[in-house]
């Protein structure tokens, strides 16, 4: 079984909740009985989506893959990054399951509230989760952050220009990535990159550009969010492409479309997902370096953790 973790509606449900931005006063809160569950706060990523954009779409560069990446097969038209029909079904089923689970432990009549990021895939996930709760007989509502039109500072503080990152710390992180990139490609993840090169199947330089011919794998810090720099660290070269490609194979699998042009899954006697799982290490490691490093995680998640707390 593959764990699909494919940003983030925040689901909050319990006995009673007040409006966003308000906290129940201690005097108004019912006295809790020892061992009685009164409130649950759960954080979700969005459901299964289409890729965020068409891969290998730069007309000035040769593609890294021999064959064109899927387009219409996602079922979302030209709306890249949208929740797919399969994503809706899965999120609705998940909502139903959570409702049935907590009906056994939360007091009768509890309600659910979903606080979602404003991106379509996160709002659509929250609505599907709500429908799942409603199908299980649990009242549920959905809302984004009040007054938010651009990037939500709760979920995307860097894009929302919340404060200025410490450039010295970002420089140090970027320098470490740049210094180690090639050894990570050649040694630490040599097997996974070899698998990816095989799936991309680019062997004719006249028609495509082999990914292993890319030699600039450096990283740079971003002083502020711009269209070309949406995160504090911008990493170029083989790893960001491998990140997108490996995640796309997982999305193809979850959406029940052909995975990696038929060059990823071994069929008999059942689909063998070892190659997907192996290449997903490239996706996870990319996020380890660009999102989960301690200082970068503090930039990205402090607002959210403060709100949950």
C-alpha atoms as a PDB file:
ATOM      1  CA  UNK A   1       0.000   0.000   0.000  1.00  0.00           C
ATOM      2  CA  UNK A   2       1.261   3.482  -0.838  1.00  0.00           C
ATOM      3  CA  UNK A   3       0.719   6.334   1.600  1.00  0.00           C
ATOM      4  CA  UNK A   4      -0.502   9.285  -0.458  1.00  0.00           C
ATOM      5  CA  UNK A   5       0.503  12.642   0.967  1.00  0.00           C
ATOM      6  CA  UNK A   6      -0.140  14.772  -1.878  1.00  0.00           C
ATOM      7  CA  UNK A   7      -1.334  22.789   1.182  1.00  0.00           C
ATOM      8  CA  UNK A   8      -3.383  22.231   3.820  1.00  0.00           C
ATOM      9  CA  UNK A   9      -6.937  22.610   4.899  1.00  0.00           C
ATOM     10  CA  UNK A  10      -7.187  22.713   8.651  1.00  0.00           C
ATOM     11  CA  UNK A  11     -10.036  20.713  10.069  1.00  0.00           C
ATOM     12  CA  UNK A  12     -11.244  21.566  13.538  1.00  0.00           C
ATOM     13  CA  UNK A  13     -14.162  19.769  15.105  1.00  0.00           C
ATOM     14  CA  UNK A  14     -15.605  19.270  18.553  1.00  0.00           C
ATOM     15  CA  UNK A  15     -18.562  20.040  20.799  1.00  0.00           C
ATOM     16  CA  UNK A  16     -18.692  23.776  20.194  1.00  0.00           C
ATOM     17  CA  UNK A  17     -16.529  26.287  18.370  1.00  0.00           C
ATOM     18  CA  UNK A  18     -16.682  30.054  18.171  1.00  0.00           C
ATOM     19  CA  UNK A  19     -15.904  32.261  15.190  1.00  0.00           C
ATOM     20  CA  UNK A  20     -12.455  32.336  13.620  1.00  0.00           C
ATOM     21  CA  UNK A  21     -10.078  34.437  15.647  1.00  0.00           C
ATOM     22  CA  UNK A  22     -12.074  34.057  18.868  1.00  0.00           C
ATOM     23  CA  UNK A  23     -11.238  31.760  21.737  1.00  0.00           C
ATOM     24  CA  UNK A  24     -13.832  30.282  24.070  1.00  0.00           C
ATOM     25  CA  UNK A  25     -13.565  31.936  27.470  1.00  0.00           C
ATOM     26  CA  UNK A  26     -12.645  29.552  30.299  1.00  0.00           C
ATOM     27  CA  UNK A  27     -15.833  30.438  32.138  1.00  0.00           C
ATOM     28  CA  UNK A  28     -17.966  29.564  29.115  1.00  0.00           C
ATOM     29  CA  UNK A  29     -16.324  26.211  28.488  1.00  0.00           C
ATOM     30  CA  UNK A  30     -18.129  23.198  29.922  1.00  0.00           C
ATOM     31  CA  UNK A  31     -16.313  21.418  32.717  1.00  0.00           C
ATOM     32  CA  UNK A  32     -14.443  18.458  31.281  1.00  0.00           C
ATOM     33  CA  UNK A  33     -14.867  15.059  32.841  1.00  0.00           C
ATOM     34  CA  UNK A  34     -11.663  13.078  33.300  1.00  0.00           C
ATOM     35  CA  UNK A  35     -11.097  11.018  30.183  1.00  0.00           C
ATOM     36  CA  UNK A  36     -13.858  12.704  28.175  1.00  0.00           C
ATOM     37  CA  UNK A  37     -12.933  13.836  24.672  1.00  0.00           C
ATOM     38  CA  UNK A  38     -14.155  17.409  24.134  1.00  0.00           C
ATOM     39  CA  UNK A  39     -12.347  18.708  21.067  1.00  0.00           C
ATOM     40  CA  UNK A  40     -10.239  17.406  18.187  1.00  0.00           C
ATOM     41  CA  UNK A  41      -7.929  19.525  16.021  1.00  0.00           C
ATOM     42  CA  UNK A  42      -6.536  17.743  12.978  1.00  0.00           C
ATOM     43  CA  UNK A  43      -4.276  19.055  10.215  1.00  0.00           C
ATOM     44  CA  UNK A  44      -4.621  17.675   6.690  1.00  0.00           C
ATOM     45  CA  UNK A  45      -2.831  18.130   3.426  1.00  0.00           C
ATOM     46  CA  UNK A  46      -5.029  18.446   0.371  1.00  0.00           C
ATOM     47  CA  UNK A  47      -6.233  15.397  -1.512  1.00  0.00           C
ATOM     48  CA  UNK A  48      -4.996  13.904  -4.768  1.00  0.00           C
ATOM     49  CA  UNK A  49      -4.459  16.627  -7.354  1.00  0.00           C
ATOM     50  CA  UNK A  50      -3.142  17.180 -10.848  1.00  0.00           C
ATOM     51  CA  UNK A  51       0.458  18.426 -11.181  1.00  0.00           C
ATOM     52  CA  UNK A  52       0.877  22.107 -10.343  1.00  0.00           C
ATOM     53  CA  UNK A  53       1.765  22.867 -13.959  1.00  0.00           C
ATOM     54  CA  UNK A  54       2.545  21.194 -17.251  1.00  0.00           C
ATOM     55  CA  UNK A  55       5.944  19.516 -16.909  1.00  0.00           C
ATOM     56  CA  UNK A  56       8.621  20.239 -19.552  1.00  0.00           C
ATOM     57  CA  UNK A  57       6.553  23.180 -20.763  1.00  0.00           C
ATOM     58  CA  UNK A  58       9.400  25.619 -21.510  1.00  0.00           C
ATOM     59  CA  UNK A  59       9.425  26.036 -25.319  1.00  0.00           C
ATOM     60  CA  UNK A  60      12.997  27.352 -25.206  1.00  0.00           C
ATOM     61  CA  UNK A  61      14.350  24.127 -23.708  1.00  0.00           C
ATOM     62  CA  UNK A  62      14.275  20.504 -24.749  1.00  0.00           C
ATOM     63  CA  UNK A  63      12.223  18.263 -22.462  1.00  0.00           C
ATOM     64  CA  UNK A  64      13.930  15.836 -20.100  1.00  0.00           C
ATOM     65  CA  UNK A  65      11.426  13.092 -20.907  1.00  0.00           C
ATOM     66  CA  UNK A  66      11.239  11.237 -24.199  1.00  0.00           C
ATOM     67  CA  UNK A  67       7.423  11.314 -24.218  1.00  0.00           C
ATOM     68  CA  UNK A  68       4.984  14.142 -23.414  1.00  0.00           C
ATOM     69  CA  UNK A  69       3.657  14.184 -19.850  1.00  0.00           C
ATOM     70  CA  UNK A  70      -0.095  13.544 -19.350  1.00  0.00           C
ATOM     71  CA  UNK A  71      -2.451  16.484 -19.767  1.00  0.00           C
ATOM     72  CA  UNK A  72      -6.156  15.718 -20.258  1.00  0.00           C
ATOM     73  CA  UNK A  73      -5.973  12.430 -18.353  1.00  0.00           C
ATOM     74  CA  UNK A  74      -6.214  14.235 -15.011  1.00  0.00           C
ATOM     75  CA  UNK A  75      -9.852  15.153 -15.506  1.00  0.00           C
ATOM     76  CA  UNK A  76      -9.427  18.821 -14.572  1.00  0.00           C
ATOM     77  CA  UNK A  77      -9.119  20.390 -18.023  1.00  0.00           C
ATOM     78  CA  UNK A  78      -6.395  23.033 -18.083  1.00  0.00           C
ATOM     79  CA  UNK A  79      -6.717  23.725 -14.365  1.00  0.00           C
ATOM     80  CA  UNK A  80      -3.323  22.553 -13.178  1.00  0.00           C
ATOM     81  CA  UNK A  81      -3.070  21.821  -9.463  1.00  0.00           C
ATOM     82  CA  UNK A  82      -6.810  21.262  -9.031  1.00  0.00           C
ATOM     83  CA  UNK A  83      -8.206  18.389  -7.004  1.00  0.00           C
ATOM     84  CA  UNK A  84      -9.021  15.532  -9.381  1.00  0.00           C
ATOM     85  CA  UNK A  85     -12.306  13.589  -9.471  1.00  0.00           C
ATOM     86  CA  UNK A  86     -10.530  10.720  -7.708  1.00  0.00           C
ATOM     87  CA  UNK A  87      -9.247  13.207  -5.152  1.00  0.00           C
ATOM     88  CA  UNK A  88     -12.811  14.308  -4.402  1.00  0.00           C
ATOM     89  CA  UNK A  89     -13.995  10.725  -3.942  1.00  0.00           C
ATOM     90  CA  UNK A  90     -11.108   9.852  -1.629  1.00  0.00           C
ATOM     91  CA  UNK A  91     -11.447  12.997   0.517  1.00  0.00           C
ATOM     92  CA  UNK A  92     -15.192  12.473   0.869  1.00  0.00           C
ATOM     93  CA  UNK A  93     -14.613   8.869   1.975  1.00  0.00           C
ATOM     94  CA  UNK A  94     -11.994  10.065   4.453  1.00  0.00           C
ATOM     95  CA  UNK A  95     -14.409  12.616   5.900  1.00  0.00           C
ATOM     96  CA  UNK A  96     -17.084   9.975   6.302  1.00  0.00           C
ATOM     97  CA  UNK A  97     -14.645   7.659   8.050  1.00  0.00           C
ATOM     98  CA  UNK A  98     -13.486  10.367  10.469  1.00  0.00           C
ATOM     99  CA  UNK A  99     -17.076  11.285  11.292  1.00  0.00           C
ATOM    100  CA  UNK A 100     -18.009   7.681  11.977  1.00  0.00           C
ATOM    101  CA  UNK A 101     -14.905   7.278  14.137  1.00  0.00           C
ATOM    102  CA  UNK A 102     -15.507  10.345  16.291  1.00  0.00           C
ATOM    103  CA  UNK A 103     -19.220   9.719  16.627  1.00  0.00           C
ATOM    104  CA  UNK A 104     -18.138   6.952  18.977  1.00  0.00           C
ATOM    105  CA  UNK A 105     -16.034   9.187  21.218  1.00  0.00           C
ATOM    106  CA  UNK A 106     -17.230  12.806  20.992  1.00  0.00           C
ATOM    107  CA  UNK A 107     -20.455  13.915  22.721  1.00  0.00           C
ATOM    108  CA  UNK A 108     -23.649  13.589  20.713  1.00  0.00           C
ATOM    109  CA  UNK A 109     -24.389  16.567  18.475  1.00  0.00           C
ATOM    110  CA  UNK A 110     -20.798  17.685  17.874  1.00  0.00           C
ATOM    111  CA  UNK A 111     -20.113  19.837  14.823  1.00  0.00           C
ATOM    112  CA  UNK A 112     -17.216  20.076  12.390  1.00  0.00           C
ATOM    113  CA  UNK A 113     -15.556  23.198  11.021  1.00  0.00           C
ATOM    114  CA  UNK A 114     -12.962  23.288   8.242  1.00  0.00           C
ATOM    115  CA  UNK A 115     -10.528  26.182   7.970  1.00  0.00           C
ATOM    116  CA  UNK A 116      -9.009  25.887   4.515  1.00  0.00           C
ATOM    117  CA  UNK A 117      -6.257  27.548   2.557  1.00  0.00           C
ATOM    118  CA  UNK A 118      -7.660  29.574  -0.343  1.00  0.00           C
ATOM    119  CA  UNK A 119      -6.110  27.442  -3.127  1.00  0.00           C
ATOM    120  CA  UNK A 120      -8.691  25.502  -5.135  1.00  0.00           C
ATOM    121  CA  UNK A 121      -7.289  22.090  -4.232  1.00  0.00           C
ATOM    122  CA  UNK A 122      -7.446  22.834  -0.513  1.00  0.00           C
ATOM    123  CA  UNK A 123     -10.910  24.386  -0.589  1.00  0.00           C
ATOM    124  CA  UNK A 124     -12.156  21.487  -2.738  1.00  0.00           C
ATOM    125  CA  UNK A 125     -10.627  19.015  -0.281  1.00  0.00           C
ATOM    126  CA  UNK A 126     -12.318  20.754   2.638  1.00  0.00           C
ATOM    127  CA  UNK A 127     -15.678  20.686   0.841  1.00  0.00           C
ATOM    128  CA  UNK A 128     -15.278  16.994   0.055  1.00  0.00           C
ATOM    129  CA  UNK A 129     -14.376  16.261   3.681  1.00  0.00           C
ATOM    130  CA  UNK A 130     -17.416  18.288   4.753  1.00  0.00           C
ATOM    131  CA  UNK A 131     -19.633  16.254   2.438  1.00  0.00           C
ATOM    132  CA  UNK A 132     -18.228  13.091   3.980  1.00  0.00           C
ATOM    133  CA  UNK A 133     -19.044  14.342   7.468  1.00  0.00           C
ATOM    134  CA  UNK A 134     -22.519  15.399   6.386  1.00  0.00           C
ATOM    135  CA  UNK A 135     -23.090  11.977   4.824  1.00  0.00           C
ATOM    136  CA  UNK A 136     -22.370  10.473   8.225  1.00  0.00           C
ATOM    137  CA  UNK A 137     -24.890  12.791   9.858  1.00  0.00           C
ATOM    138  CA  UNK A 138     -22.393  15.269  11.348  1.00  0.00           C
ATOM    139  CA  UNK A 139     -23.075  18.981  10.595  1.00  0.00           C
ATOM    140  CA  UNK A 140     -20.018  20.608   8.997  1.00  0.00           C
ATOM    141  CA  UNK A 141     -19.077  23.976   7.508  1.00  0.00           C
ATOM    142  CA  UNK A 142     -16.126  25.275   5.470  1.00  0.00           C
ATOM    143  CA  UNK A 143     -14.504  28.703   5.353  1.00  0.00           C
ATOM    144  CA  UNK A 144     -11.157  30.182   4.336  1.00  0.00           C
ATOM    145  CA  UNK A 145      -9.393  32.698   6.519  1.00  0.00           C
ATOM    146  CA  UNK A 146     -11.559  35.841   6.796  1.00  0.00           C
ATOM    147  CA  UNK A 147     -10.695  38.608   4.358  1.00  0.00           C
ATOM    148  CA  UNK A 148      -7.978  36.574   2.633  1.00  0.00           C
ATOM    149  CA  UNK A 149      -7.671  37.129  -1.121  1.00  0.00           C
ATOM    150  CA  UNK A 150      -3.998  36.443  -1.731  1.00  0.00           C
ATOM    151  CA  UNK A 151      -1.740  33.872  -0.074  1.00  0.00           C
ATOM    152  CA  UNK A 152      -3.099  32.990   3.350  1.00  0.00           C
ATOM    153  CA  UNK A 153      -0.509  34.016   5.987  1.00  0.00           C
ATOM    154  CA  UNK A 154      -1.609  31.097   8.152  1.00  0.00           C
ATOM    155  CA  UNK A 155      -0.572  28.533   5.546  1.00  0.00           C
ATOM    156  CA  UNK A 156       1.882  30.499   3.364  1.00  0.00           C
ATOM    157  CA  UNK A 157       3.569  33.173   5.499  1.00  0.00           C
ATOM    158  CA  UNK A 158       6.558  33.619   3.161  1.00  0.00           C
ATOM    159  CA  UNK A 159       4.354  34.169   0.117  1.00  0.00           C
ATOM    160  CA  UNK A 160       2.180  36.527   2.183  1.00  0.00           C
ATOM    161  CA  UNK A 161       5.317  38.573   3.034  1.00  0.00           C
ATOM    162  CA  UNK A 162       5.064  37.997   6.773  1.00  0.00           C
ATOM    163  CA  UNK A 163       8.364  39.347   8.055  1.00  0.00           C
ATOM    164  CA  UNK A 164      11.835  39.166   6.532  1.00  0.00           C
ATOM    165  CA  UNK A 165      13.896  35.949   6.765  1.00  0.00           C
ATOM    166  CA  UNK A 166      17.423  36.033   8.149  1.00  0.00           C
ATOM    167  CA  UNK A 167      19.493  36.145   4.978  1.00  0.00           C
ATOM    168  CA  UNK A 168      22.644  34.901   6.688  1.00  0.00           C
ATOM    169  CA  UNK A 169      20.838  31.731   7.754  1.00  0.00           C
ATOM    170  CA  UNK A 170      19.305  31.269   4.305  1.00  0.00           C
ATOM    171  CA  UNK A 171      22.730  31.758   2.702  1.00  0.00           C
ATOM    172  CA  UNK A 172      24.180  29.022   4.889  1.00  0.00           C
ATOM    173  CA  UNK A 173      21.392  26.593   3.960  1.00  0.00           C
ATOM    174  CA  UNK A 174      21.725  27.359   0.240  1.00  0.00           C
ATOM    175  CA  UNK A 175      25.500  26.977   0.345  1.00  0.00           C
ATOM    176  CA  UNK A 176      25.219  23.568   2.013  1.00  0.00           C
ATOM    177  CA  UNK A 177      22.762  22.366  -0.642  1.00  0.00           C
ATOM    178  CA  UNK A 178      24.987  23.618  -3.455  1.00  0.00           C
ATOM    179  CA  UNK A 179      28.078  21.991  -1.957  1.00  0.00           C
ATOM    180  CA  UNK A 180      26.428  18.598  -1.552  1.00  0.00           C
ATOM    181  CA  UNK A 181      24.063  18.373  -4.529  1.00  0.00           C
ATOM    182  CA  UNK A 182      26.282  16.442  -6.898  1.00  0.00           C
ATOM    183  CA  UNK A 183      27.370  13.892  -4.306  1.00  0.00           C
ATOM    184  CA  UNK A 184      23.715  13.372  -3.346  1.00  0.00           C
ATOM    185  CA  UNK A 185      22.915  12.691  -7.009  1.00  0.00           C
ATOM    186  CA  UNK A 186      25.895  10.436  -7.691  1.00  0.00           C
ATOM    187  CA  UNK A 187      26.210   8.574  -4.395  1.00  0.00           C
ATOM    188  CA  UNK A 188      23.415   8.934  -1.857  1.00  0.00           C
ATOM    189  CA  UNK A 189      20.583   8.639  -4.386  1.00  0.00           C
ATOM    190  CA  UNK A 190      22.423   7.075  -7.306  1.00  0.00           C
ATOM    191  CA  UNK A 191      19.994   4.140  -7.509  1.00  0.00           C
ATOM    192  CA  UNK A 192      16.895   6.335  -7.460  1.00  0.00           C
ATOM    193  CA  UNK A 193      18.254   8.704 -10.092  1.00  0.00           C
ATOM    194  CA  UNK A 194      19.202   5.748 -12.286  1.00  0.00           C
ATOM    195  CA  UNK A 195      15.601   4.517 -12.015  1.00  0.00           C
ATOM    196  CA  UNK A 196      14.294   7.975 -12.896  1.00  0.00           C
ATOM    197  CA  UNK A 197      16.606   8.315 -15.908  1.00  0.00           C
ATOM    198  CA  UNK A 198      15.312   4.936 -17.126  1.00  0.00           C
ATOM    199  CA  UNK A 199      11.667   5.988 -16.788  1.00  0.00           C
ATOM    200  CA  UNK A 200      12.263   9.312 -18.543  1.00  0.00           C
ATOM    201  CA  UNK A 201      13.968   7.271 -21.311  1.00  0.00           C
ATOM    202  CA  UNK A 202      15.680  10.262 -22.891  1.00  0.00           C
ATOM    203  CA  UNK A 203      18.462   8.720 -24.959  1.00  0.00           C
ATOM    204  CA  UNK A 204      18.419  10.907 -28.082  1.00  0.00           C
ATOM    205  CA  UNK A 205      19.935  14.343 -27.321  1.00  0.00           C
ATOM    206  CA  UNK A 206      18.596  15.600 -30.646  1.00  0.00           C
ATOM    207  CA  UNK A 207      15.013  15.259 -29.348  1.00  0.00           C
ATOM    208  CA  UNK A 208      15.340  15.656 -25.592  1.00  0.00           C
ATOM    209  CA  UNK A 209      17.824  16.666 -22.926  1.00  0.00           C
ATOM    210  CA  UNK A 210      18.904  13.808 -20.601  1.00  0.00           C
ATOM    211  CA  UNK A 211      18.378  14.835 -16.986  1.00  0.00           C
ATOM    212  CA  UNK A 212      21.805  13.499 -16.030  1.00  0.00           C
ATOM    213  CA  UNK A 213      23.402  16.055 -18.367  1.00  0.00           C
ATOM    214  CA  UNK A 214      22.254  18.882 -16.075  1.00  0.00           C
ATOM    215  CA  UNK A 215      25.273  20.049 -14.074  1.00  0.00           C
ATOM    216  CA  UNK A 216      24.045  23.247 -12.390  1.00  0.00           C
ATOM    217  CA  UNK A 217      22.436  21.925  -9.224  1.00  0.00           C
ATOM    218  CA  UNK A 218      22.964  25.007  -7.082  1.00  0.00           C
ATOM    219  CA  UNK A 219      20.602  26.652  -4.613  1.00  0.00           C
ATOM    220  CA  UNK A 220      20.012  30.334  -3.873  1.00  0.00           C
ATOM    221  CA  UNK A 221      18.272  32.134  -1.006  1.00  0.00           C
ATOM    222  CA  UNK A 222      15.234  34.325  -1.690  1.00  0.00           C
ATOM    223  CA  UNK A 223      14.997  37.632   0.162  1.00  0.00           C
ATOM    224  CA  UNK A 224      11.254  37.801  -0.469  1.00  0.00           C
ATOM    225  CA  UNK A 225       8.543  35.944  -2.346  1.00  0.00           C
ATOM    226  CA  UNK A 226       8.441  36.663  -6.093  1.00  0.00           C
ATOM    227  CA  UNK A 227       6.817  34.827  -9.032  1.00  0.00           C
ATOM    228  CA  UNK A 228      10.069  32.953  -9.614  1.00  0.00           C
ATOM    229  CA  UNK A 229      10.889  32.429  -5.961  1.00  0.00           C
ATOM    230  CA  UNK A 230       7.898  31.273  -3.903  1.00  0.00           C
ATOM    231  CA  UNK A 231       9.956  29.713  -1.085  1.00  0.00           C
ATOM    232  CA  UNK A 232      12.931  30.928   0.982  1.00  0.00           C
ATOM    233  CA  UNK A 233      15.254  28.551  -0.894  1.00  0.00           C
ATOM    234  CA  UNK A 234      15.255  28.094  -4.674  1.00  0.00           C
ATOM    235  CA  UNK A 235      17.026  24.917  -5.774  1.00  0.00           C
ATOM    236  CA  UNK A 236      17.665  24.336  -9.457  1.00  0.00           C
ATOM    237  CA  UNK A 237      18.895  21.387 -11.459  1.00  0.00           C
ATOM    238  CA  UNK A 238      18.161  17.684 -11.217  1.00  0.00           C
ATOM    239  CA  UNK A 239      16.623  17.519  -7.745  1.00  0.00           C
ATOM    240  CA  UNK A 240      13.657  19.856  -8.296  1.00  0.00           C
ATOM    241  CA  UNK A 241      12.826  18.031 -11.519  1.00  0.00           C
ATOM    242  CA  UNK A 242      13.152  14.669  -9.770  1.00  0.00           C
ATOM    243  CA  UNK A 243      10.920  15.997  -7.001  1.00  0.00           C
ATOM    244  CA  UNK A 244       8.169  16.873  -9.475  1.00  0.00           C
ATOM    245  CA  UNK A 245       8.581  13.768 -11.607  1.00  0.00           C
ATOM    246  CA  UNK A 246       8.505  11.264  -8.749  1.00  0.00           C
ATOM    247  CA  UNK A 247       5.494  12.963  -7.160  1.00  0.00           C
ATOM    248  CA  UNK A 248       3.726  12.935 -10.526  1.00  0.00           C
ATOM    249  CA  UNK A 249       4.202   9.159 -10.793  1.00  0.00           C
ATOM    250  CA  UNK A 250       2.508   8.833  -7.403  1.00  0.00           C
ATOM    251  CA  UNK A 251      -0.309  11.132  -8.517  1.00  0.00           C
ATOM    252  CA  UNK A 252      -0.759   9.068 -11.668  1.00  0.00           C
ATOM    253  CA  UNK A 253      -0.978   5.924  -9.545  1.00  0.00           C
ATOM    254  CA  UNK A 254      -3.518   7.491  -7.182  1.00  0.00           C
ATOM    255  CA  UNK A 255      -5.597   8.725 -10.115  1.00  0.00           C
ATOM    256  CA  UNK A 256      -5.555   5.321 -11.802  1.00  0.00           C
ATOM    257  CA  UNK A 257      -3.917   6.501 -15.008  1.00  0.00           C
ATOM    258  CA  UNK A 258      -0.839   5.035 -16.704  1.00  0.00           C
ATOM    259  CA  UNK A 259       2.177   5.513 -14.447  1.00  0.00           C
ATOM    260  CA  UNK A 260       5.345   6.846 -16.069  1.00  0.00           C
ATOM    261  CA  UNK A 261       4.339   5.883 -19.621  1.00  0.00           C
ATOM    262  CA  UNK A 262       4.045   2.280 -18.490  1.00  0.00           C
ATOM    263  CA  UNK A 263       7.684   2.155 -17.417  1.00  0.00           C
ATOM    264  CA  UNK A 264       7.141   2.254 -13.634  1.00  0.00           C
ATOM    265  CA  UNK A 265       4.808  -0.538 -12.524  1.00  0.00           C
ATOM    266  CA  UNK A 266       5.610  -4.197 -12.980  1.00  0.00           C
ATOM    267  CA  UNK A 267       2.267  -5.962 -13.465  1.00  0.00           C
ATOM    268  CA  UNK A 268       2.399  -9.723 -12.782  1.00  0.00           C
ATOM    269  CA  UNK A 269       0.935 -11.009 -10.583  1.00  0.00           C
ATOM    270  CA  UNK A 270      -0.036  -7.647  -9.062  1.00  0.00           C
ATOM    271  CA  UNK A 271       1.261  -4.115  -9.677  1.00  0.00           C
ATOM    272  CA  UNK A 272       4.665  -3.805  -7.983  1.00  0.00           C
ATOM    273  CA  UNK A 273       4.967  -0.336  -6.463  1.00  0.00           C
ATOM    274  CA  UNK A 274       8.605  -0.701  -5.326  1.00  0.00           C
ATOM    275  CA  UNK A 275       9.914   1.615  -8.029  1.00  0.00           C
ATOM    276  CA  UNK A 276       7.441   4.367  -7.146  1.00  0.00           C
ATOM    277  CA  UNK A 277       8.333   4.081  -3.477  1.00  0.00           C
ATOM    278  CA  UNK A 278      12.035   4.113  -4.294  1.00  0.00           C
ATOM    279  CA  UNK A 279      11.868   7.225  -6.480  1.00  0.00           C
ATOM    280  CA  UNK A 280       9.636   9.009  -3.944  1.00  0.00           C
ATOM    281  CA  UNK A 281      12.759   9.239  -1.773  1.00  0.00           C
ATOM    282  CA  UNK A 282      13.874  11.990  -4.176  1.00  0.00           C
ATOM    283  CA  UNK A 283      10.656  13.926  -3.513  1.00  0.00           C
ATOM    284  CA  UNK A 284      10.933  13.493   0.256  1.00  0.00           C
ATOM    285  CA  UNK A 285      14.599  14.518   0.332  1.00  0.00           C
ATOM    286  CA  UNK A 286      13.919  17.627  -1.750  1.00  0.00           C
ATOM    287  CA  UNK A 287      11.358  18.676   0.861  1.00  0.00           C
ATOM    288  CA  UNK A 288      13.737  17.765   3.674  1.00  0.00           C
ATOM    289  CA  UNK A 289      16.204  20.329   2.337  1.00  0.00           C
ATOM    290  CA  UNK A 290      13.806  23.078   1.214  1.00  0.00           C
ATOM    291  CA  UNK A 291      10.919  22.836   3.694  1.00  0.00           C
ATOM    292  CA  UNK A 292      11.792  20.686   6.699  1.00  0.00           C
ATOM    293  CA  UNK A 293      15.221  22.084   7.620  1.00  0.00           C
ATOM    294  CA  UNK A 294      14.660  23.597  11.073  1.00  0.00           C
ATOM    295  CA  UNK A 295      14.846  27.304  10.211  1.00  0.00           C
ATOM    296  CA  UNK A 296      12.841  26.867   6.989  1.00  0.00           C
ATOM    297  CA  UNK A 297      10.211  24.889   8.895  1.00  0.00           C
ATOM    298  CA  UNK A 298       9.983  27.690  11.453  1.00  0.00           C
ATOM    299  CA  UNK A 299       9.361  30.199   8.666  1.00  0.00           C
ATOM    300  CA  UNK A 300       6.690  28.046   7.066  1.00  0.00           C
ATOM    301  CA  UNK A 301       4.889  26.554  10.047  1.00  0.00           C
ATOM    302  CA  UNK A 302       5.160  28.871  13.051  1.00  0.00           C
ATOM    303  CA  UNK A 303       1.930  30.743  12.308  1.00  0.00           C
ATOM    304  CA  UNK A 304       0.041  27.488  11.870  1.00  0.00           C
ATOM    305  CA  UNK A 305       1.460  25.891  15.020  1.00  0.00           C
ATOM    306  CA  UNK A 306       0.670  29.039  17.007  1.00  0.00           C
ATOM    307  CA  UNK A 307      -2.952  28.922  15.826  1.00  0.00           C
ATOM    308  CA  UNK A 308      -3.299  25.220  16.640  1.00  0.00           C
ATOM    309  CA  UNK A 309      -1.750  25.822  20.060  1.00  0.00           C
END
